C-alpha atoms as a PDB file:
ATOM      1  CA  MET A   1      32.820 -64.868 147.977  1.00  0.00           C
ATOM      2  CA  SER A   2      30.133 -65.734 150.468  1.00  0.00           C
ATOM      3  CA  ALA A   3      27.792 -68.304 149.033  1.00  0.00           C
ATOM      4  CA  LEU A   4      24.570 -67.031 150.547  1.00  0.00           C
ATOM      5  CA  LEU A   5      24.783 -63.256 150.062  1.00  0.00           C
ATOM      6  CA  THR A   6      26.656 -63.403 146.773  1.00  0.00           C
ATOM      7  CA  ASP A   7      24.235 -65.976 145.395  1.00  0.00           C
ATOM      8  CA  ARG A   8      21.295 -63.747 146.334  1.00  0.00           C
ATOM      9  CA  ILE A   9      22.942 -60.811 144.572  1.00  0.00           C
ATOM     10  CA  LYS A  10      23.712 -62.857 141.443  1.00  0.00           C
ATOM     11  CA  ASP A  11      20.121 -64.142 141.367  1.00  0.00           C
ATOM     12  CA  ALA A  12      18.891 -60.558 141.625  1.00  0.00           C
ATOM     13  CA  MET A  13      21.201 -59.631 138.734  1.00  0.00           C
ATOM     14  CA  LYS A  14      19.674 -62.379 136.560  1.00  0.00           C
ATOM     15  CA  ALA A  15      16.160 -61.205 137.473  1.00  0.00           C
ATOM     16  CA  ALA A  16      17.058 -57.581 136.666  1.00  0.00           C
ATOM     17  CA  MET A  17      18.428 -58.702 133.281  1.00  0.00           C
ATOM     18  CA  LYS A  18      15.249 -60.656 132.488  1.00  0.00           C
ATOM     19  CA  ASN A  19      13.041 -57.726 133.554  1.00  0.00           C
ATOM     20  CA  GLY A  20      15.129 -55.167 131.674  1.00  0.00           C
ATOM     21  CA  ASP A  21      15.677 -53.148 134.854  1.00  0.00           C
ATOM     22  CA  LYS A  22      18.826 -51.316 133.766  1.00  0.00           C
ATOM     23  CA  ALA A  23      19.082 -49.091 136.847  1.00  0.00           C
ATOM     24  CA  LYS A  24      18.951 -52.008 139.277  1.00  0.00           C
ATOM     25  CA  LEU A  25      21.278 -54.067 137.100  1.00  0.00           C
ATOM     26  CA  GLY A  26      23.845 -51.255 137.118  1.00  0.00           C
ATOM     27  CA  VAL A  27      23.857 -51.066 140.927  1.00  0.00           C
ATOM     28  CA  ILE A  28      24.128 -54.842 141.286  1.00  0.00           C
ATOM     29  CA  ARG A  29      27.091 -54.854 138.912  1.00  0.00           C
ATOM     30  CA  LEU A  30      28.717 -52.139 141.034  1.00  0.00           C
ATOM     31  CA  ILE A  31      28.218 -54.308 144.130  1.00  0.00           C
ATOM     32  CA  LEU A  32      29.751 -57.381 142.490  1.00  0.00           C
ATOM     33  CA  ALA A  33      32.659 -55.294 141.174  1.00  0.00           C
ATOM     34  CA  ALA A  34      33.281 -53.938 144.691  1.00  0.00           C
ATOM     35  CA  PHE A  35      33.274 -57.507 146.052  1.00  0.00           C
ATOM     36  CA  LYS A  36      35.743 -58.638 143.380  1.00  0.00           C
ATOM     37  CA  GLN A  37      37.972 -55.614 144.070  1.00  0.00           C
ATOM     38  CA  VAL A  38      38.185 -56.494 147.774  1.00  0.00           C
ATOM     39  CA  GLU A  39      38.958 -60.125 146.947  1.00  0.00           C
ATOM     40  CA  VAL A  40      41.762 -59.120 144.586  1.00  0.00           C
ATOM     41  CA  ASP A  41      43.205 -56.371 146.811  1.00  0.00           C
ATOM     42  CA  GLU A  42      43.147 -58.400 150.017  1.00  0.00           C
ATOM     43  CA  ARG A  43      43.709 -61.808 148.393  1.00  0.00           C
ATOM     44  CA  ILE A  44      40.809 -63.294 150.323  1.00  0.00           C
ATOM     45  CA  GLN A  45      37.594 -65.170 149.687  1.00  0.00           C
ATOM     46  CA  LEU A  46      34.741 -62.850 150.724  1.00  0.00           C
ATOM     47  CA  ASP A  47      32.513 -64.134 153.532  1.00  0.00           C
ATOM     48  CA  ASP A  48      29.115 -62.715 154.568  1.00  0.00           C
ATOM     49  CA  ASN A  49      30.680 -60.473 157.225  1.00  0.00           C
ATOM     50  CA  ARG A  50      33.158 -58.875 154.837  1.00  0.00           C
ATOM     51  CA  ALA A  51      30.474 -58.582 152.142  1.00  0.00           C
ATOM     52  CA  LEU A  52      28.274 -56.684 154.626  1.00  0.00           C
ATOM     53  CA  GLN A  53      31.189 -54.335 155.358  1.00  0.00           C
ATOM     54  CA  VAL A  54      31.545 -53.625 151.636  1.00  0.00           C
ATOM     55  CA  LEU A  55      27.802 -52.943 151.308  1.00  0.00           C
ATOM     56  CA  ASP A  56      27.937 -50.702 154.394  1.00  0.00           C
ATOM     57  CA  LYS A  57      30.782 -48.718 152.857  1.00  0.00           C
ATOM     58  CA  MET A  58      28.827 -48.331 149.628  1.00  0.00           C
ATOM     59  CA  LEU A  59      25.833 -46.992 151.584  1.00  0.00           C
ATOM     60  CA  LYS A  60      28.035 -44.552 153.476  1.00  0.00           C
ATOM     61  CA  GLN A  61      29.511 -43.260 150.192  1.00  0.00           C
ATOM     62  CA  ARG A  62      26.055 -42.728 148.747  1.00  0.00           C
ATOM     63  CA  ARG A  63      24.772 -40.926 151.856  1.00  0.00           C
ATOM     64  CA  GLU A  64      27.758 -38.577 151.651  1.00  0.00           C
ATOM     65  CA  SER A  65      27.116 -38.013 147.939  1.00  0.00           C
ATOM     66  CA  ILE A  66      23.474 -37.205 148.687  1.00  0.00           C
ATOM     67  CA  ARG A  67      24.565 -34.557 151.204  1.00  0.00           C
ATOM     68  CA  GLN A  68      26.944 -32.995 148.685  1.00  0.00           C
ATOM     69  CA  PHE A  69      24.452 -33.105 145.799  1.00  0.00           C
ATOM     70  CA  ALA A  70      21.693 -31.642 147.993  1.00  0.00           C
ATOM     71  CA  ASP A  71      24.013 -28.793 149.025  1.00  0.00           C
ATOM     72  CA  ALA A  72      24.733 -28.153 145.348  1.00  0.00           C
ATOM     73  CA  GLY A  73      21.014 -28.178 144.496  1.00  0.00           C
ATOM     74  CA  ARG A  74      21.287 -31.243 142.247  1.00  0.00           C
ATOM     75  CA  ALA A  75      17.974 -33.012 142.974  1.00  0.00           C
ATOM     76  CA  ASP A  76      18.428 -35.190 139.871  1.00  0.00           C
ATOM     77  CA  LEU A  77      21.658 -36.693 141.255  1.00  0.00           C
ATOM     78  CA  VAL A  78      20.158 -37.024 144.747  1.00  0.00           C
ATOM     79  CA  ALA A  79      17.347 -39.129 143.275  1.00  0.00           C
ATOM     80  CA  ILE A  80      19.840 -41.441 141.526  1.00  0.00           C
ATOM     81  CA  GLU A  81      21.847 -41.966 144.733  1.00  0.00           C
ATOM     82  CA  GLU A  82      18.664 -42.618 146.756  1.00  0.00           C
ATOM     83  CA  ALA A  83      17.564 -45.238 144.211  1.00  0.00           C
ATOM     84  CA  GLU A  84      20.976 -46.922 144.511  1.00  0.00           C
ATOM     85  CA  ILE A  85      20.659 -46.953 148.308  1.00  0.00           C
ATOM     86  CA  LEU A  86      17.334 -48.797 148.031  1.00  0.00           C
ATOM     87  CA  VAL A  87      18.905 -51.494 145.840  1.00  0.00           C
ATOM     88  CA  ILE A  88      21.892 -51.940 148.191  1.00  0.00           C
ATOM     89  CA  GLN A  89      19.679 -52.030 151.302  1.00  0.00           C
ATOM     90  CA  ALA A  90      17.660 -54.869 149.776  1.00  0.00           C
ATOM     91  CA  PHE A  91      20.667 -57.153 150.327  1.00  0.00           C
ATOM     92  CA  LEU A  92      21.302 -56.085 153.930  1.00  0.00           C
ATOM     93  CA  PRO A  93      19.718 -57.688 156.994  1.00  0.00           C
ATOM     94  CA  GLN A  94      16.588 -56.124 158.511  1.00  0.00           C
ATOM     95  CA  ALA A  95      17.452 -52.645 159.784  1.00  0.00           C
ATOM     96  CA  LEU A  96      17.409 -52.045 163.528  1.00  0.00           C
ATOM     97  CA  THR A  97      14.723 -49.797 164.968  1.00  0.00           C
ATOM     98  CA  ASP A  98      15.637 -46.707 166.959  1.00  0.00           C
ATOM     99  CA  ALA A  99      14.625 -48.479 170.181  1.00  0.00           C
ATOM    100  CA  GLU A 100      16.793 -51.506 169.341  1.00  0.00           C
ATOM    101  CA  ILE A 101      19.772 -49.251 168.638  1.00  0.00           C
ATOM    102  CA  ASN A 102      19.268 -47.446 171.965  1.00  0.00           C
ATOM    103  CA  THR A 103      19.085 -50.780 173.809  1.00  0.00           C
ATOM    104  CA  LEU A 104      22.264 -52.082 172.161  1.00  0.00           C
ATOM    105  CA  VAL A 105      24.087 -48.800 172.883  1.00  0.00           C
ATOM    106  CA  ALA A 106      23.084 -48.971 176.557  1.00  0.00           C
ATOM    107  CA  SER A 107      24.179 -52.605 176.895  1.00  0.00           C
ATOM    108  CA  ALA A 108      27.513 -51.890 175.143  1.00  0.00           C
ATOM    109  CA  ILE A 109      28.194 -49.005 177.536  1.00  0.00           C
ATOM    110  CA  ALA A 110      27.492 -51.294 180.502  1.00  0.00           C
ATOM    111  CA  GLU A 111      29.517 -54.195 179.071  1.00  0.00           C
ATOM    112  CA  ALA A 112      32.513 -51.974 178.249  1.00  0.00           C
ATOM    113  CA  GLY A 113      32.237 -50.105 181.548  1.00  0.00           C
ATOM    114  CA  ALA A 114      32.335 -46.873 179.540  1.00  0.00           C
ATOM    115  CA  GLN A 115      32.277 -43.745 181.691  1.00  0.00           C
ATOM    116  CA  SER A 116      33.234 -40.930 179.322  1.00  0.00           C
ATOM    117  CA  LEU A 117      33.974 -40.106 175.697  1.00  0.00           C
ATOM    118  CA  LYS A 118      37.475 -41.563 175.988  1.00  0.00           C
ATOM    119  CA  ASP A 119      35.822 -44.998 176.486  1.00  0.00           C
ATOM    120  CA  MET A 120      33.755 -44.594 173.336  1.00  0.00           C
ATOM    121  CA  GLY A 121      36.102 -46.796 171.271  1.00  0.00           C
ATOM    122  CA  LYS A 122      35.595 -49.766 173.599  1.00  0.00           C
ATOM    123  CA  ALA A 123      31.805 -49.526 173.356  1.00  0.00           C
ATOM    124  CA  MET A 124      31.910 -48.951 169.595  1.00  0.00           C
ATOM    125  CA  ALA A 125      34.071 -52.075 169.164  1.00  0.00           C
ATOM    126  CA  LEU A 126      31.320 -54.097 170.866  1.00  0.00           C
ATOM    127  CA  LEU A 127      28.558 -52.490 168.805  1.00  0.00           C
ATOM    128  CA  LYS A 128      30.031 -52.697 165.324  1.00  0.00           C
ATOM    129  CA  PRO A 129      29.831 -56.484 164.833  1.00  0.00           C
ATOM    130  CA  LYS A 130      26.256 -56.577 166.180  1.00  0.00           C
ATOM    131  CA  MET A 131      25.065 -53.728 163.965  1.00  0.00           C
ATOM    132  CA  GLN A 132      27.056 -54.248 160.762  1.00  0.00           C
ATOM    133  CA  GLY A 133      24.703 -53.725 157.842  1.00  0.00           C
ATOM    134  CA  ARG A 134      21.738 -53.150 160.132  1.00  0.00           C
ATOM    135  CA  ALA A 135      22.266 -49.534 161.209  1.00  0.00           C
ATOM    136  CA  ASP A 136      23.963 -46.354 160.001  1.00  0.00           C
ATOM    137  CA  MET A 137      27.105 -46.373 162.142  1.00  0.00           C
ATOM    138  CA  ALA A 138      27.264 -42.558 162.075  1.00  0.00           C
ATOM    139  CA  VAL A 139      23.866 -42.484 163.822  1.00  0.00           C
ATOM    140  CA  VAL A 140      25.032 -45.149 166.276  1.00  0.00           C
ATOM    141  CA  SER A 141      28.179 -43.130 167.004  1.00  0.00           C
ATOM    142  CA  ASP A 142      26.091 -40.001 167.652  1.00  0.00           C
ATOM    143  CA  LYS A 143      23.794 -41.908 170.036  1.00  0.00           C
ATOM    144  CA  LEU A 144      26.792 -43.376 171.858  1.00  0.00           C
ATOM    145  CA  LYS A 145      28.441 -39.955 172.146  1.00  0.00           C
ATOM    146  CA  ALA A 146      25.209 -38.455 173.507  1.00  0.00           C
ATOM    147  CA  ALA A 147      24.880 -41.267 176.074  1.00  0.00           C
ATOM    148  CA  LEU A 148      28.471 -40.778 177.296  1.00  0.00           C
ATOM    149  CA  THR A 149      28.258 -36.992 177.731  1.00  0.00           C
END
């Protein structure tokens, strides 16, 4: 596991235990379990990049759950998922602003020489490493699609 990010998460777990913050502790344990699962499944030592991918995936799952719970009128479950998102986001790098995302999308289009939607994959491949953990990739994809049409 990555020393820096994993250490921060373990320190946060200790603090949550000391403070008796059961909700936060539960989310942190889920994060560490997800990290361990990836290490076992892929037989790798997690680095910061891969850890960010795992956290990104966890955020994406929670956003999808929020949509489904909201559609079902389950505000109680929406609140739980939103609280989990806040805990996960605390371990991610500073989020990109809308203007920063637009700038990166424009530069990726230029760098990839993207002309139409069929070039979207090339531009997205350039964007993903720069934005991992710092932006909702679904939003980035929508902005890229809009710029190419």
